[in-house]
C-alpha atoms as a PDB file:
ATOM      1  CA  MET A   1     -11.249 -18.642  -6.893  1.00  0.00           C
ATOM      2  CA  ILE A   2      -9.131 -16.917  -9.528  1.00  0.00           C
ATOM      3  CA  ILE A   3      -6.397 -14.283  -9.429  1.00  0.00           C
ATOM      4  CA  LYS A   4      -6.902 -11.272 -11.689  1.00  0.00           C
ATOM      5  CA  GLU A   5      -4.815  -8.274 -12.663  1.00  0.00           C
ATOM      6  CA  ALA A   6      -6.655  -5.132 -11.564  1.00  0.00           C
ATOM      7  CA  GLN A   7      -8.111  -2.841 -14.216  1.00  0.00           C
ATOM      8  CA  GLU A   8      -9.676   0.595 -13.840  1.00  0.00           C
ATOM      9  CA  SER A   9     -13.138  -0.990 -13.935  1.00  0.00           C
ATOM     10  CA  ASP A  10     -12.250  -3.220 -10.944  1.00  0.00           C
ATOM     11  CA  LEU A  11     -11.144  -0.461  -8.573  1.00  0.00           C
ATOM     12  CA  ARG A  12     -14.487   0.249  -6.934  1.00  0.00           C
ATOM     13  CA  ARG A  13     -15.028  -3.439  -6.115  1.00  0.00           C
ATOM     14  CA  ILE A  14     -11.506  -3.675  -4.706  1.00  0.00           C
ATOM     15  CA  ALA A  15     -12.200  -0.499  -2.711  1.00  0.00           C
ATOM     16  CA  GLU A  16     -15.236  -2.183  -1.162  1.00  0.00           C
ATOM     17  CA  CYS A  17     -13.005  -5.108  -0.168  1.00  0.00           C
ATOM     18  CA  HIS A  18     -10.488  -2.665   1.340  1.00  0.00           C
ATOM     19  CA  ILE A  19     -13.177  -1.014   3.461  1.00  0.00           C
ATOM     20  CA  SER A  20     -14.341  -4.443   4.648  1.00  0.00           C
ATOM     21  CA  ALA A  21     -10.766  -5.500   5.457  1.00  0.00           C
ATOM     22  CA  PHE A  22      -9.814  -2.230   7.179  1.00  0.00           C
ATOM     23  CA  PRO A  23     -13.058  -0.730   8.561  1.00  0.00           C
ATOM     24  CA  LYS A  24     -11.316   1.443  11.164  1.00  0.00           C
ATOM     25  CA  SER A  25      -8.638   2.897   8.875  1.00  0.00           C
ATOM     26  CA  LEU A  26      -8.538   6.565   7.890  1.00  0.00           C
ATOM     27  CA  SER A  27      -8.711   5.662   4.206  1.00  0.00           C
ATOM     28  CA  SER A  28     -11.948   3.733   4.770  1.00  0.00           C
ATOM     29  CA  ALA A  29     -13.375   6.596   6.824  1.00  0.00           C
ATOM     30  CA  LEU A  30     -12.674   8.980   3.932  1.00  0.00           C
ATOM     31  CA  GLY A  31     -15.119   6.996   1.825  1.00  0.00           C
ATOM     32  CA  ILE A  32     -15.399   4.816  -1.254  1.00  0.00           C
ATOM     33  CA  ARG A  33     -14.422   7.575  -3.685  1.00  0.00           C
ATOM     34  CA  TYR A  34     -11.175   8.247  -1.856  1.00  0.00           C
ATOM     35  CA  VAL A  35     -10.265   4.546  -1.573  1.00  0.00           C
ATOM     36  CA  THR A  36     -11.004   4.052  -5.287  1.00  0.00           C
ATOM     37  CA  LYS A  37      -8.763   6.991  -6.165  1.00  0.00           C
ATOM     38  CA  MET A  38      -6.042   5.766  -3.800  1.00  0.00           C
ATOM     39  CA  LEU A  39      -6.073   2.313  -5.407  1.00  0.00           C
ATOM     40  CA  GLY A  40      -5.763   3.943  -8.805  1.00  0.00           C
ATOM     41  CA  TRP A  41      -2.179   4.795  -7.845  1.00  0.00           C
ATOM     42  CA  TYR A  42      -1.237   1.143  -8.420  1.00  0.00           C
ATOM     43  CA  LEU A  43      -2.315   1.452 -12.064  1.00  0.00           C
ATOM     44  CA  SER A  44      -0.536   4.759 -12.659  1.00  0.00           C
ATOM     45  CA  SER A  45       2.979   3.423 -13.252  1.00  0.00           C
ATOM     46  CA  ASP A  46       4.829   0.421 -14.620  1.00  0.00           C
ATOM     47  CA  GLN A  47       6.603   0.301 -11.256  1.00  0.00           C
ATOM     48  CA  THR A  48       3.409  -0.529  -9.341  1.00  0.00           C
ATOM     49  CA  PHE A  49       0.875  -3.324  -9.616  1.00  0.00           C
ATOM     50  CA  LEU A  50      -2.394  -4.528  -8.116  1.00  0.00           C
ATOM     51  CA  PHE A  51      -4.107  -7.913  -8.303  1.00  0.00           C
ATOM     52  CA  PHE A  52      -7.088  -9.494  -6.585  1.00  0.00           C
ATOM     53  CA  LEU A  53      -8.857 -12.748  -5.771  1.00  0.00           C
ATOM     54  CA  GLU A  54     -12.286 -13.150  -7.313  1.00  0.00           C
ATOM     55  CA  GLU A  55     -15.004 -15.715  -6.658  1.00  0.00           C
ATOM     56  CA  GLU A  56     -18.363 -15.491  -8.399  1.00  0.00           C
ATOM     57  CA  LYS A  57     -17.584 -11.873  -9.350  1.00  0.00           C
ATOM     58  CA  LEU A  58     -16.917 -10.956  -5.708  1.00  0.00           C
ATOM     59  CA  VAL A  59     -13.525  -9.561  -4.656  1.00  0.00           C
ATOM     60  CA  LYS A  60     -12.342 -11.671  -1.723  1.00  0.00           C
ATOM     61  CA  GLY A  61      -8.866 -10.190  -1.271  1.00  0.00           C
ATOM     62  CA  TYR A  62      -6.285  -8.017  -2.991  1.00  0.00           C
ATOM     63  CA  CYS A  63      -2.599  -7.131  -2.940  1.00  0.00           C
ATOM     64  CA  GLY A  64      -0.557  -4.220  -4.241  1.00  0.00           C
ATOM     65  CA  GLY A  65       3.175  -3.746  -4.647  1.00  0.00           C
ATOM     66  CA  MET A  66       5.870  -1.367  -5.814  1.00  0.00           C
ATOM     67  CA  ILE A  67       9.047  -2.260  -7.696  1.00  0.00           C
ATOM     68  CA  ARG A  68      12.031  -0.362  -6.351  1.00  0.00           C
ATOM     69  CA  MET A  69      15.004  -0.344  -8.725  1.00  0.00           C
ATOM     70  CA  ALA A  70      16.540   2.815  -7.222  1.00  0.00           C
ATOM     71  CA  ALA A  71      16.234   4.954  -4.109  1.00  0.00           C
ATOM     72  CA  GLY A  72      13.493   7.561  -4.150  1.00  0.00           C
ATOM     73  CA  ALA A  73      10.172   8.616  -2.666  1.00  0.00           C
ATOM     74  CA  GLY A  74       8.370   5.861  -0.786  1.00  0.00           C
ATOM     75  CA  SER A  75       4.970   4.452  -1.626  1.00  0.00           C
ATOM     76  CA  ALA A  76       3.175   6.406   1.125  1.00  0.00           C
ATOM     77  CA  SER A  77       4.341   9.814  -0.113  1.00  0.00           C
ATOM     78  CA  SER A  78       3.799   8.929  -3.760  1.00  0.00           C
ATOM     79  CA  MET A  79       0.297   7.631  -3.075  1.00  0.00           C
ATOM     80  CA  ALA A  80      -0.553  10.672  -0.945  1.00  0.00           C
ATOM     81  CA  GLN A  81       0.434  12.999  -3.801  1.00  0.00           C
ATOM     82  CA  PHE A  82      -1.545  10.947  -6.326  1.00  0.00           C
ATOM     83  CA  SER A  83      -4.760  11.016  -4.285  1.00  0.00           C
ATOM     84  CA  PHE A  84      -4.252  14.509  -2.786  1.00  0.00           C
ATOM     85  CA  ASP A  85      -7.184  16.261  -4.500  1.00  0.00           C
ATOM     86  CA  GLN A  86      -9.679  13.552  -3.568  1.00  0.00           C
ATOM     87  CA  ALA A  87      -8.361  13.528   0.013  1.00  0.00           C
ATOM     88  CA  VAL A  88      -9.019  17.284   0.292  1.00  0.00           C
ATOM     89  CA  ARG A  89     -12.568  16.851  -1.026  1.00  0.00           C
ATOM     90  CA  SER A  90     -13.202  13.975   1.383  1.00  0.00           C
ATOM     91  CA  PHE A  91     -11.926  15.949   4.376  1.00  0.00           C
ATOM     92  CA  LEU A  92     -14.117  18.919   3.416  1.00  0.00           C
ATOM     93  CA  VAL A  93     -17.155  16.639   3.479  1.00  0.00           C
ATOM     94  CA  ARG A  94     -16.005  14.958   6.719  1.00  0.00           C
ATOM     95  CA  PRO A  95     -14.069  17.665   8.650  1.00  0.00           C
ATOM     96  CA  TRP A  96     -14.276  15.703  11.920  1.00  0.00           C
ATOM     97  CA  LEU A  97     -11.764  13.243  10.476  1.00  0.00           C
ATOM     98  CA  VAL A  98      -8.935  15.696  11.191  1.00  0.00           C
ATOM     99  CA  LEU A  99      -9.207  14.264  14.722  1.00  0.00           C
ATOM    100  CA  HIS A 100      -8.864  10.664  13.501  1.00  0.00           C
ATOM    101  CA  THR A 101      -6.097   8.772  15.327  1.00  0.00           C
ATOM    102  CA  GLU A 102      -4.193   8.156  12.070  1.00  0.00           C
ATOM    103  CA  VAL A 103      -4.210  11.884  11.272  1.00  0.00           C
ATOM    104  CA  ARG A 104      -2.891  12.785  14.713  1.00  0.00           C
ATOM    105  CA  ALA A 105      -0.160  10.170  14.373  1.00  0.00           C
ATOM    106  CA  LYS A 106       0.876  11.429  10.938  1.00  0.00           C
ATOM    107  CA  TYR A 107       0.841  15.221  11.305  1.00  0.00           C
ATOM    108  CA  PHE A 108       4.501  15.460  10.231  1.00  0.00           C
ATOM    109  CA  PHE A 109       3.864  13.222   7.219  1.00  0.00           C
ATOM    110  CA  ILE A 110       0.824  15.298   6.210  1.00  0.00           C
ATOM    111  CA  VAL A 111       2.650  18.613   6.577  1.00  0.00           C
ATOM    112  CA  ARG A 112       5.602  17.274   4.578  1.00  0.00           C
ATOM    113  CA  ASN A 113       3.326  16.197   1.739  1.00  0.00           C
ATOM    114  CA  LEU A 114       1.498  19.528   1.770  1.00  0.00           C
ATOM    115  CA  TRP A 115       4.873  21.249   1.481  1.00  0.00           C
ATOM    116  CA  THR A 116       5.874  18.938  -1.383  1.00  0.00           C
ATOM    117  CA  ARG A 117       2.597  19.724  -3.152  1.00  0.00           C
ATOM    118  CA  LEU A 118       3.175  23.469  -2.697  1.00  0.00           C
ATOM    119  CA  LYS A 119       6.725  23.263  -4.058  1.00  0.00           C
ATOM    120  CA  ARG A 120       5.482  21.441  -7.145  1.00  0.00           C
ATOM    121  CA  LEU A 121       2.902  24.155  -7.757  1.00  0.00           C
ATOM    122  CA  VAL A 122       5.461  26.941  -7.317  1.00  0.00           C
ATOM    123  CA  ASN A 123       8.272  25.340  -9.311  1.00  0.00           C
ATOM    124  CA  SER A 124       7.281  22.351 -11.403  1.00  0.00           C
ATOM    125  CA  ASP A 125      10.701  22.298 -13.099  1.00  0.00           C
ATOM    126  CA  SER A 126      12.745  21.853  -9.958  1.00  0.00           C
ATOM    127  CA  GLU A 127      14.806  18.696  -9.614  1.00  0.00           C
ATOM    128  CA  ILE A 128      16.048  16.989  -6.503  1.00  0.00           C
ATOM    129  CA  THR A 129      19.511  15.483  -6.748  1.00  0.00           C
ATOM    130  CA  SER A 130      20.477  12.776  -4.313  1.00  0.00           C
ATOM    131  CA  THR A 131      23.944  12.786  -2.804  1.00  0.00           C
ATOM    132  CA  ASN A 132      23.642   9.307  -1.311  1.00  0.00           C
ATOM    133  CA  THR A 133      26.464   6.978  -2.300  1.00  0.00           C
ATOM    134  CA  PHE A 134      25.256   3.734  -0.714  1.00  0.00           C
ATOM    135  CA  VAL A 135      24.761   0.658  -2.876  1.00  0.00           C
ATOM    136  CA  PHE A 136      21.059   0.159  -3.461  1.00  0.00           C
ATOM    137  CA  GLU A 137      19.675  -3.367  -3.760  1.00  0.00           C
ATOM    138  CA  PRO A 138      16.515  -3.551  -5.891  1.00  0.00           C
ATOM    139  CA  TYR A 139      13.472  -5.079  -4.231  1.00  0.00           C
ATOM    140  CA  VAL A 140       9.702  -5.381  -4.436  1.00  0.00           C
ATOM    141  CA  ALA A 141       7.736  -3.683  -1.659  1.00  0.00           C
ATOM    142  CA  LEU A 142       4.496  -5.236  -0.495  1.00  0.00           C
ATOM    143  CA  VAL A 143       2.496  -2.047   0.042  1.00  0.00           C
ATOM    144  CA  VAL A 144      -0.947  -3.408   0.865  1.00  0.00           C
ATOM    145  CA  ILE A 145      -2.705  -6.725   1.293  1.00  0.00           C
ATOM    146  CA  GLY A 146      -6.250  -7.225   2.483  1.00  0.00           C
ATOM    147  CA  VAL A 147      -8.883  -9.931   2.776  1.00  0.00           C
ATOM    148  CA  LYS A 148     -12.600  -9.294   3.096  1.00  0.00           C
ATOM    149  CA  ALA A 149     -13.717  -9.535   6.724  1.00  0.00           C
ATOM    150  CA  ASP A 150     -16.025 -12.497   6.102  1.00  0.00           C
ATOM    151  CA  ASP A 151     -13.201 -14.484   4.502  1.00  0.00           C
ATOM    152  CA  HIS A 152     -10.549 -14.391   7.217  1.00  0.00           C
ATOM    153  CA  SER A 153      -8.946 -17.672   8.314  1.00  0.00           C
ATOM    154  CA  LYS A 154      -9.492 -19.281   4.893  1.00  0.00           C
ATOM    155  CA  GLY A 155      -5.891 -19.107   3.721  1.00  0.00           C
ATOM    156  CA  LEU A 156      -6.562 -16.311   1.229  1.00  0.00           C
ATOM    157  CA  GLY A 157      -3.756 -14.176   2.628  1.00  0.00           C
ATOM    158  CA  SER A 158      -1.271 -16.960   1.909  1.00  0.00           C
ATOM    159  CA  ILE A 159      -2.592 -17.290  -1.644  1.00  0.00           C
ATOM    160  CA  LEU A 160      -2.037 -13.568  -2.188  1.00  0.00           C
ATOM    161  CA  LEU A 161       1.471 -13.738  -0.693  1.00  0.00           C
ATOM    162  CA  LYS A 162       2.419 -16.649  -2.954  1.00  0.00           C
ATOM    163  CA  GLU A 163       1.221 -14.701  -5.991  1.00  0.00           C
ATOM    164  CA  PHE A 164       3.273 -11.707  -4.813  1.00  0.00           C
ATOM    165  CA  GLU A 165       6.338 -13.949  -4.627  1.00  0.00           C
ATOM    166  CA  ARG A 166       5.635 -15.370  -8.079  1.00  0.00           C
ATOM    167  CA  ARG A 167       5.593 -11.868  -9.535  1.00  0.00           C
ATOM    168  CA  THR A 168       8.837 -11.010  -7.774  1.00  0.00           C
ATOM    169  CA  VAL A 169      10.505 -14.054  -9.363  1.00  0.00           C
ATOM    170  CA  ILE A 170       9.199 -13.084 -12.812  1.00  0.00           C
ATOM    171  CA  LEU A 171      10.728  -9.629 -12.326  1.00  0.00           C
ATOM    172  CA  GLY A 172      14.083 -11.294 -11.681  1.00  0.00           C
ATOM    173  CA  LEU A 173      14.342  -9.922  -8.142  1.00  0.00           C
ATOM    174  CA  LYS A 174      15.038 -11.798  -4.920  1.00  0.00           C
ATOM    175  CA  LYS A 175      14.313  -9.318  -2.151  1.00  0.00           C
ATOM    176  CA  MET A 176      10.858  -8.415  -0.788  1.00  0.00           C
ATOM    177  CA  LEU A 177      10.090  -5.910   1.969  1.00  0.00           C
ATOM    178  CA  LEU A 178       7.032  -4.828   3.920  1.00  0.00           C
ATOM    179  CA  THR A 179       6.081  -2.796   6.969  1.00  0.00           C
ATOM    180  CA  VAL A 180       3.264  -3.764   9.320  1.00  0.00           C
ATOM    181  CA  LEU A 181       1.901  -2.361  12.571  1.00  0.00           C
ATOM    182  CA  THR A 182       3.502  -4.243  15.446  1.00  0.00           C
ATOM    183  CA  ALA A 183       0.107  -4.510  17.151  1.00  0.00           C
ATOM    184  CA  ASN A 184      -1.353  -6.365  14.146  1.00  0.00           C
ATOM    185  CA  GLU A 185      -0.634  -9.836  15.500  1.00  0.00           C
ATOM    186  CA  ARG A 186      -2.822 -11.606  12.929  1.00  0.00           C
ATOM    187  CA  ALA A 187      -0.821 -10.134  10.035  1.00  0.00           C
ATOM    188  CA  LEU A 188       2.540 -10.756  11.731  1.00  0.00           C
ATOM    189  CA  LYS A 189       1.719 -14.422  12.283  1.00  0.00           C
ATOM    190  CA  SER A 190       0.611 -14.793   8.672  1.00  0.00           C
ATOM    191  CA  TYR A 191       3.848 -13.278   7.334  1.00  0.00           C
ATOM    192  CA  LEU A 192       5.974 -15.437   9.635  1.00  0.00           C
ATOM    193  CA  ARG A 193       4.114 -18.563   8.506  1.00  0.00           C
ATOM    194  CA  ASN A 194       4.883 -17.621   4.926  1.00  0.00           C
ATOM    195  CA  GLY A 195       8.628 -17.314   5.487  1.00  0.00           C
ATOM    196  CA  TRP A 196       9.023 -13.596   6.172  1.00  0.00           C
ATOM    197  CA  VAL A 197      11.424 -12.532   8.933  1.00  0.00           C
ATOM    198  CA  VAL A 198      11.529  -9.446  11.125  1.00  0.00           C
ATOM    199  CA  SER A 199      14.346  -7.092  10.154  1.00  0.00           C
ATOM    200  CA  LYS A 200      13.581  -4.119  12.402  1.00  0.00           C
ATOM    201  CA  VAL A 201      11.088  -2.927  14.998  1.00  0.00           C
ATOM    202  CA  GLU A 202      10.832   0.834  15.257  1.00  0.00           C
ATOM    203  CA  GLY A 203       8.121   2.598  17.226  1.00  0.00           C
ATOM    204  CA  LYS A 204       4.766   1.076  16.334  1.00  0.00           C
ATOM    205  CA  SER A 205       6.030  -0.436  13.065  1.00  0.00           C
ATOM    206  CA  THR A 206       7.717  -3.727  12.266  1.00  0.00           C
ATOM    207  CA  SER A 207       9.785  -4.101   9.082  1.00  0.00           C
ATOM    208  CA  MET A 208       9.989  -7.555   7.536  1.00  0.00           C
ATOM    209  CA  GLU A 209      11.748  -9.082   4.563  1.00  0.00           C
ATOM    210  CA  LYS A 210      11.926 -12.284   2.610  1.00  0.00           C
ATOM    211  CA  ARG A 211      14.624 -13.370   0.183  1.00  0.00           C
ATOM    212  CA  LEU A 212      13.955 -15.783  -2.628  1.00  0.00           C
ATOM    213  CA  ASN A 213      16.475 -18.300  -3.949  1.00  0.00           C
END
């Protein structure tokens, strides 16, 4: 088992792992092309990264993160904008997915991103100036982590989390954050075992953090 930095040529294999890890998710329902495009977001900036576990040329698990050195748009909005065109094509092919539970739960998020897309088309030169004066502490956000369904309970999630921590240390940062569905007990237990602590529970989401020495 080896850890590899994701390249463009690896994205489809990682997408297959994602669909295996999250078979009921909206992204998986939108199809392999959408998931591949979505994962491409992690390779689109020096502030994002994606790595995976490989064994005999099979992707067993993967993890993606975002380096946050200043306040700004979150990973969800940024990723949605990046994969917008492919999402539209996927919905046109699968129109029944507008009734998917994730879509119904995220109507506000979807409308907001459609509005953002429209504003960019109308005025690409516009700038948004923040008036926030709070002190921002840089951190690394764990955006996604997944293990192929057949490889659960083998400790692969912990291997991926340790690699995520190693990268955070190399970046010279000490704070890591993530958000997970509160109902995902398997993931919560894994994070707690690996030293993460709950910082906030809001609605159906649980925010967690871990600080490194």
